[in-house]
Amino acid sequence: RAALPLTVREGLAPWRTSGPIDVRVEARRTAEAPQTRFDLTAALHGIEVEHESLPQPLQNVRGTLLFDNDGIRSKELSLEYAGATAVVELKFFTDHLRTQGSVAVKASQVTLDDAKRLALPLALRPAWDRAAPRGILNLDSVGLQYNHPQEQQPTWTMQADLGLSNVSLLGLGEIERIDGRATLGGELLGANGTTALR
């Protein structure tokens, strides 16, 4: 990490990794562009990743992360979390005003059970408890947008297209055995720390 620009290092600070990683670093500096440009490629071979906001580690993380002076992006990234396998695409970029990013997730045959509840960040568990979902969920397209202006609280918003198979929402009355499609969107983490999904 020491070879990365400060803003990128700060973004990586909450993440902890263990496992095999192949790293290649390139640095360029020319008379026309005196600022040193960095390109770092990290190939992940089934590593484990922890973050302070996640109750459980991301496991068997495979793919490539590409770092440069402006941010991070992924290539062919997959992982396992709470028993579910997901394909992930991420992009995060920063400048002197803000850090912005996006995370796209796809996963199939995700069983809605207590293990998934325990894998949620604490801020999202009340929404789960209100619905008390059970069944099978396909995350056909889940998009997360991150925005963190300087000297302000970061926000996360979400837009998700979901496939439902025999889903019940036991906390909302007798809503049982739902099959079909659903769209969910809103704030996962608002500027005041609240969650508001619809």
C-alpha atoms as a PDB file:
ATOM      1  CA  ARG A   1       0.000   0.000   0.000  1.00  0.00           C
ATOM      2  CA  ALA A   2       2.904   2.351   0.594  1.00  0.00           C
ATOM      3  CA  ALA A   3       3.316   2.872  -3.163  1.00  0.00           C
ATOM      4  CA  LEU A   4      -0.252   4.156  -3.560  1.00  0.00           C
ATOM      5  CA  PRO A   5      -1.333   7.820  -3.477  1.00  0.00           C
ATOM      6  CA  LEU A   6      -2.486   9.095  -0.091  1.00  0.00           C
ATOM      7  CA  THR A   7      -6.164   9.360  -1.048  1.00  0.00           C
ATOM      8  CA  VAL A   8      -6.220   5.727  -2.204  1.00  0.00           C
ATOM      9  CA  ARG A   9      -4.394   4.557   0.927  1.00  0.00           C
ATOM     10  CA  GLU A  10      -6.964   6.337   3.074  1.00  0.00           C
ATOM     11  CA  GLY A  11      -9.768   4.562   1.213  1.00  0.00           C
ATOM     12  CA  LEU A  12      -8.150   1.192   1.836  1.00  0.00           C
ATOM     13  CA  ALA A  13      -7.402   1.836   5.504  1.00  0.00           C
ATOM     14  CA  PRO A  14     -10.571   0.155   6.918  1.00  0.00           C
ATOM     15  CA  TRP A  15     -10.005  -3.013   4.850  1.00  0.00           C
ATOM     16  CA  ARG A  16      -7.900  -5.933   6.076  1.00  0.00           C
ATOM     17  CA  THR A  17      -6.829  -8.777   3.806  1.00  0.00           C
ATOM     18  CA  SER A  18      -5.275 -12.195   4.216  1.00  0.00           C
ATOM     19  CA  GLY A  19      -4.302 -14.655   1.522  1.00  0.00           C
ATOM     20  CA  PRO A  20      -2.323 -14.796  -1.739  1.00  0.00           C
ATOM     21  CA  ILE A  21      -2.097 -11.577  -3.777  1.00  0.00           C
ATOM     22  CA  ASP A  22       0.157 -10.918  -6.784  1.00  0.00           C
ATOM     23  CA  VAL A  23       1.052  -7.228  -7.107  1.00  0.00           C
ATOM     24  CA  ARG A  24       2.600  -5.269  -9.981  1.00  0.00           C
ATOM     25  CA  VAL A  25       3.482  -1.581  -9.594  1.00  0.00           C
ATOM     26  CA  GLU A  26       4.405   0.889 -12.333  1.00  0.00           C
ATOM     27  CA  ALA A  27       5.414   4.531 -11.824  1.00  0.00           C
ATOM     28  CA  ARG A  28       5.791   7.154 -14.550  1.00  0.00           C
ATOM     29  CA  ARG A  29       7.035  10.722 -14.489  1.00  0.00           C
ATOM     30  CA  THR A  30       7.776  12.963 -17.463  1.00  0.00           C
ATOM     31  CA  ALA A  31       8.784  16.569 -18.060  1.00  0.00           C
ATOM     32  CA  GLU A  32       5.306  17.259 -19.419  1.00  0.00           C
ATOM     33  CA  ALA A  33       3.640  15.645 -16.371  1.00  0.00           C
ATOM     34  CA  PRO A  34       5.942  16.090 -13.371  1.00  0.00           C
ATOM     35  CA  GLN A  35       3.518  14.445 -10.948  1.00  0.00           C
ATOM     36  CA  THR A  36       4.367  10.764 -10.566  1.00  0.00           C
ATOM     37  CA  ARG A  37       1.628   8.514 -11.928  1.00  0.00           C
ATOM     38  CA  PHE A  38       1.087   5.153 -10.276  1.00  0.00           C
ATOM     39  CA  ASP A  39      -0.550   2.030 -11.653  1.00  0.00           C
ATOM     40  CA  LEU A  40      -0.884  -0.913  -9.320  1.00  0.00           C
ATOM     41  CA  THR A  41      -2.471  -4.208 -10.308  1.00  0.00           C
ATOM     42  CA  ALA A  42      -3.432  -6.658  -7.560  1.00  0.00           C
ATOM     43  CA  ALA A  43      -4.498 -10.168  -8.583  1.00  0.00           C
ATOM     44  CA  LEU A  44      -6.514 -11.790  -5.795  1.00  0.00           C
ATOM     45  CA  HIS A  45      -6.402 -15.567  -5.492  1.00  0.00           C
ATOM     46  CA  GLY A  46      -9.135 -16.568  -3.084  1.00  0.00           C
ATOM     47  CA  ILE A  47      -8.306 -14.135  -0.283  1.00  0.00           C
ATOM     48  CA  GLU A  48     -10.333 -13.141   2.782  1.00  0.00           C
ATOM     49  CA  VAL A  49     -11.278  -9.492   3.280  1.00  0.00           C
ATOM     50  CA  GLU A  50     -12.586  -7.840   6.442  1.00  0.00           C
ATOM     51  CA  HIS A  51     -14.151  -4.420   6.929  1.00  0.00           C
ATOM     52  CA  GLU A  52     -15.142  -2.727  10.157  1.00  0.00           C
ATOM     53  CA  SER A  53     -18.750  -2.271   8.975  1.00  0.00           C
ATOM     54  CA  LEU A  54     -19.253  -5.936   7.978  1.00  0.00           C
ATOM     55  CA  PRO A  55     -20.028  -8.485  10.707  1.00  0.00           C
ATOM     56  CA  GLN A  56     -18.433 -11.278   8.653  1.00  0.00           C
ATOM     57  CA  PRO A  57     -15.469 -11.392   6.261  1.00  0.00           C
ATOM     58  CA  LEU A  58     -15.751 -11.571   2.498  1.00  0.00           C
ATOM     59  CA  GLN A  59     -14.357 -14.982   1.559  1.00  0.00           C
ATOM     60  CA  ASN A  60     -12.771 -16.558  -1.506  1.00  0.00           C
ATOM     61  CA  VAL A  61     -12.344 -13.154  -3.153  1.00  0.00           C
ATOM     62  CA  ARG A  62     -10.974 -13.632  -6.671  1.00  0.00           C
ATOM     63  CA  GLY A  63     -10.264 -11.239  -9.533  1.00  0.00           C
ATOM     64  CA  THR A  64      -8.198  -8.150 -10.158  1.00  0.00           C
ATOM     65  CA  LEU A  65      -8.127  -4.708  -8.561  1.00  0.00           C
ATOM     66  CA  LEU A  66      -6.621  -1.812 -10.531  1.00  0.00           C
ATOM     67  CA  PHE A  67      -5.342   1.222  -8.631  1.00  0.00           C
ATOM     68  CA  ASP A  68      -4.060   4.552  -9.940  1.00  0.00           C
ATOM     69  CA  ASN A  69      -3.727   8.122  -8.699  1.00  0.00           C
ATOM     70  CA  ASP A  70      -7.448   8.715  -9.093  1.00  0.00           C
ATOM     71  CA  GLY A  71      -8.985   5.625  -7.540  1.00  0.00           C
ATOM     72  CA  ILE A  72      -9.798   1.948  -7.765  1.00  0.00           C
ATOM     73  CA  ARG A  73     -11.706  -0.301 -10.154  1.00  0.00           C
ATOM     74  CA  SER A  74     -12.220  -4.036 -10.402  1.00  0.00           C
ATOM     75  CA  LYS A  75     -12.017  -6.649 -13.118  1.00  0.00           C
ATOM     76  CA  GLU A  76     -13.742 -10.060 -12.989  1.00  0.00           C
ATOM     77  CA  LEU A  77     -14.241  -9.888  -9.236  1.00  0.00           C
ATOM     78  CA  SER A  78     -16.163 -12.596  -7.373  1.00  0.00           C
ATOM     79  CA  LEU A  79     -16.601 -13.415  -3.698  1.00  0.00           C
ATOM     80  CA  GLU A  80     -18.568 -15.346  -1.114  1.00  0.00           C
ATOM     81  CA  TYR A  81     -20.440 -13.778   1.792  1.00  0.00           C
ATOM     82  CA  ALA A  82     -22.676 -15.481   4.330  1.00  0.00           C
ATOM     83  CA  GLY A  83     -22.944 -18.560   2.140  1.00  0.00           C
ATOM     84  CA  ALA A  84     -23.847 -16.679  -1.056  1.00  0.00           C
ATOM     85  CA  THR A  85     -21.628 -16.263  -4.133  1.00  0.00           C
ATOM     86  CA  ALA A  86     -21.641 -12.906  -5.918  1.00  0.00           C
ATOM     87  CA  VAL A  87     -20.068 -11.259  -8.950  1.00  0.00           C
ATOM     88  CA  VAL A  88     -19.032  -7.695  -8.162  1.00  0.00           C
ATOM     89  CA  GLU A  89     -17.915  -4.672 -10.177  1.00  0.00           C
ATOM     90  CA  LEU A  90     -16.635  -1.647  -8.322  1.00  0.00           C
ATOM     91  CA  LYS A  91     -15.296   1.790  -9.173  1.00  0.00           C
ATOM     92  CA  PHE A  92     -14.147   4.446  -6.720  1.00  0.00           C
ATOM     93  CA  PHE A  93     -12.571   7.772  -7.643  1.00  0.00           C
ATOM     94  CA  THR A  94     -11.489  10.723  -5.585  1.00  0.00           C
ATOM     95  CA  ASP A  95     -10.404  14.318  -6.062  1.00  0.00           C
ATOM     96  CA  HIS A  96      -9.865  17.279  -3.770  1.00  0.00           C
ATOM     97  CA  LEU A  97     -13.628  17.762  -3.333  1.00  0.00           C
ATOM     98  CA  ARG A  98     -15.140  14.338  -2.812  1.00  0.00           C
ATOM     99  CA  THR A  99     -14.901  10.582  -3.136  1.00  0.00           C
ATOM    100  CA  GLN A 100     -17.484   8.893  -5.323  1.00  0.00           C
ATOM    101  CA  GLY A 101     -18.010   5.307  -6.272  1.00  0.00           C
ATOM    102  CA  SER A 102     -20.297   2.563  -7.422  1.00  0.00           C
ATOM    103  CA  VAL A 103     -20.670  -1.119  -6.648  1.00  0.00           C
ATOM    104  CA  ALA A 104     -22.659  -3.487  -8.868  1.00  0.00           C
ATOM    105  CA  VAL A 105     -23.581  -6.916  -7.475  1.00  0.00           C
ATOM    106  CA  LYS A 106     -25.180  -9.994  -9.017  1.00  0.00           C
ATOM    107  CA  ALA A 107     -25.991 -13.202  -7.157  1.00  0.00           C
ATOM    108  CA  SER A 108     -28.305 -16.159  -7.709  1.00  0.00           C
ATOM    109  CA  GLN A 109     -30.234 -18.445  -5.387  1.00  0.00           C
ATOM    110  CA  VAL A 110     -29.657 -16.470  -2.203  1.00  0.00           C
ATOM    111  CA  THR A 111     -31.515 -18.132   0.668  1.00  0.00           C
ATOM    112  CA  LEU A 112     -33.182 -15.625   2.998  1.00  0.00           C
ATOM    113  CA  ASP A 113     -32.452 -17.011   6.456  1.00  0.00           C
ATOM    114  CA  ASP A 114     -31.026 -15.998   9.810  1.00  0.00           C
ATOM    115  CA  ALA A 115     -27.467 -16.350   8.491  1.00  0.00           C
ATOM    116  CA  LYS A 116     -28.133 -13.526   6.025  1.00  0.00           C
ATOM    117  CA  ARG A 117     -29.597 -11.347   8.784  1.00  0.00           C
ATOM    118  CA  LEU A 118     -26.498 -11.789  10.911  1.00  0.00           C
ATOM    119  CA  ALA A 119     -24.335 -10.832   7.913  1.00  0.00           C
ATOM    120  CA  LEU A 120     -26.040  -7.442   7.530  1.00  0.00           C
ATOM    121  CA  PRO A 121     -24.513  -4.277   8.979  1.00  0.00           C
ATOM    122  CA  LEU A 122     -26.271  -3.365  12.221  1.00  0.00           C
ATOM    123  CA  ALA A 123     -27.945  -0.320  10.639  1.00  0.00           C
ATOM    124  CA  LEU A 124     -29.843  -2.550   8.167  1.00  0.00           C
ATOM    125  CA  ARG A 125     -31.086  -5.206  10.564  1.00  0.00           C
ATOM    126  CA  PRO A 126     -34.183  -3.283  11.763  1.00  0.00           C
ATOM    127  CA  ALA A 127     -35.516  -3.186   8.190  1.00  0.00           C
ATOM    128  CA  TRP A 128     -34.908  -6.942   7.890  1.00  0.00           C
ATOM    129  CA  ASP A 129     -36.639  -7.568  11.217  1.00  0.00           C
ATOM    130  CA  ARG A 130     -39.701  -5.558  10.175  1.00  0.00           C
ATOM    131  CA  ALA A 131     -40.131  -7.678   7.037  1.00  0.00           C
ATOM    132  CA  ALA A 132     -38.841 -11.028   8.416  1.00  0.00           C
ATOM    133  CA  PRO A 133     -38.231 -12.385   4.889  1.00  0.00           C
ATOM    134  CA  ARG A 134     -37.923 -16.050   3.954  1.00  0.00           C
ATOM    135  CA  GLY A 135     -37.482 -17.722   0.574  1.00  0.00           C
ATOM    136  CA  ILE A 136     -35.084 -17.508  -2.369  1.00  0.00           C
ATOM    137  CA  LEU A 137     -33.808 -14.243  -3.861  1.00  0.00           C
ATOM    138  CA  ASN A 138     -31.968 -13.604  -7.117  1.00  0.00           C
ATOM    139  CA  LEU A 139     -30.005 -10.363  -7.143  1.00  0.00           C
ATOM    140  CA  ASP A 140     -30.279  -9.745 -10.882  1.00  0.00           C
ATOM    141  CA  SER A 141     -28.903  -6.209 -10.625  1.00  0.00           C
ATOM    142  CA  VAL A 142     -27.983  -4.369  -7.447  1.00  0.00           C
ATOM    143  CA  GLY A 143     -26.340  -0.978  -7.829  1.00  0.00           C
ATOM    144  CA  LEU A 144     -24.874   0.943  -4.908  1.00  0.00           C
ATOM    145  CA  GLN A 145     -23.758   4.552  -5.216  1.00  0.00           C
ATOM    146  CA  TYR A 146     -21.337   6.125  -2.741  1.00  0.00           C
ATOM    147  CA  ASN A 147     -20.838   9.848  -2.251  1.00  0.00           C
ATOM    148  CA  HIS A 148     -18.560  11.447   0.334  1.00  0.00           C
ATOM    149  CA  PRO A 149     -17.994  15.202   0.006  1.00  0.00           C
ATOM    150  CA  GLN A 150     -15.201  16.592   2.119  1.00  0.00           C
ATOM    151  CA  GLU A 151     -16.206  17.473   5.676  1.00  0.00           C
ATOM    152  CA  GLN A 152     -19.621  15.819   5.276  1.00  0.00           C
ATOM    153  CA  GLN A 153     -21.071  12.447   6.162  1.00  0.00           C
ATOM    154  CA  PRO A 154     -20.857   9.784   3.432  1.00  0.00           C
ATOM    155  CA  THR A 155     -24.052   8.443   1.867  1.00  0.00           C
ATOM    156  CA  TRP A 156     -24.958   5.158   0.183  1.00  0.00           C
ATOM    157  CA  THR A 157     -27.956   4.830  -2.143  1.00  0.00           C
ATOM    158  CA  MET A 158     -29.234   1.670  -3.797  1.00  0.00           C
ATOM    159  CA  GLN A 159     -31.240   0.548  -6.812  1.00  0.00           C
ATOM    160  CA  ALA A 160     -31.979  -3.177  -7.056  1.00  0.00           C
ATOM    161  CA  ASP A 161     -33.816  -5.460  -9.487  1.00  0.00           C
ATOM    162  CA  LEU A 162     -34.716  -8.687  -7.720  1.00  0.00           C
ATOM    163  CA  GLY A 163     -36.177 -12.054  -8.648  1.00  0.00           C
ATOM    164  CA  LEU A 164     -38.400 -13.628  -5.988  1.00  0.00           C
ATOM    165  CA  SER A 165     -39.025 -17.347  -5.552  1.00  0.00           C
ATOM    166  CA  ASN A 166     -41.441 -18.522  -2.858  1.00  0.00           C
ATOM    167  CA  VAL A 167     -40.685 -15.443  -0.754  1.00  0.00           C
ATOM    168  CA  SER A 168     -42.646 -14.715   2.409  1.00  0.00           C
ATOM    169  CA  LEU A 169     -42.605 -11.486   4.420  1.00  0.00           C
ATOM    170  CA  LEU A 170     -43.715 -12.851   7.760  1.00  0.00           C
ATOM    171  CA  GLY A 171     -43.301  -9.554   9.591  1.00  0.00           C
ATOM    172  CA  LEU A 172     -45.762  -7.751   7.308  1.00  0.00           C
ATOM    173  CA  GLY A 173     -48.761 -10.004   7.883  1.00  0.00           C
ATOM    174  CA  GLU A 174     -49.769 -12.949   5.776  1.00  0.00           C
ATOM    175  CA  ILE A 175     -47.639 -12.143   2.753  1.00  0.00           C
ATOM    176  CA  GLU A 176     -46.474 -15.553   1.600  1.00  0.00           C
ATOM    177  CA  ARG A 177     -45.174 -17.454  -1.408  1.00  0.00           C
ATOM    178  CA  ILE A 178     -44.395 -14.487  -3.628  1.00  0.00           C
ATOM    179  CA  ASP A 179     -42.987 -15.302  -7.070  1.00  0.00           C
ATOM    180  CA  GLY A 180     -41.993 -12.668  -9.592  1.00  0.00           C
ATOM    181  CA  ARG A 181     -39.899  -9.545  -9.754  1.00  0.00           C
ATOM    182  CA  ALA A 182     -39.404  -6.519  -7.530  1.00  0.00           C
ATOM    183  CA  THR A 183     -37.522  -3.219  -7.623  1.00  0.00           C
ATOM    184  CA  LEU A 184     -36.081  -1.687  -4.476  1.00  0.00           C
ATOM    185  CA  GLY A 185     -34.387   1.693  -4.125  1.00  0.00           C
ATOM    186  CA  GLY A 186     -33.525   4.448  -1.717  1.00  0.00           C
ATOM    187  CA  GLU A 187     -30.953   5.319   0.914  1.00  0.00           C
ATOM    188  CA  LEU A 188     -28.998   2.581   2.637  1.00  0.00           C
ATOM    189  CA  LEU A 189     -27.146   5.169   4.670  1.00  0.00           C
ATOM    190  CA  GLY A 190     -28.320   8.757   4.501  1.00  0.00           C
ATOM    191  CA  ALA A 191     -26.434  11.857   5.532  1.00  0.00           C
ATOM    192  CA  ASN A 192     -28.111  11.692   8.954  1.00  0.00           C
ATOM    193  CA  GLY A 193     -27.367   7.970   9.370  1.00  0.00           C
ATOM    194  CA  THR A 194     -30.870   6.756   8.475  1.00  0.00           C
ATOM    195  CA  THR A 195     -32.089   4.036   6.098  1.00  0.00           C
ATOM    196  CA  ALA A 196     -35.036   4.683   3.781  1.00  0.00           C
ATOM    197  CA  LEU A 197     -35.878   2.049   1.156  1.00  0.00           C
ATOM    198  CA  ARG A 198     -38.967   1.748  -1.003  1.00  0.00           C
END
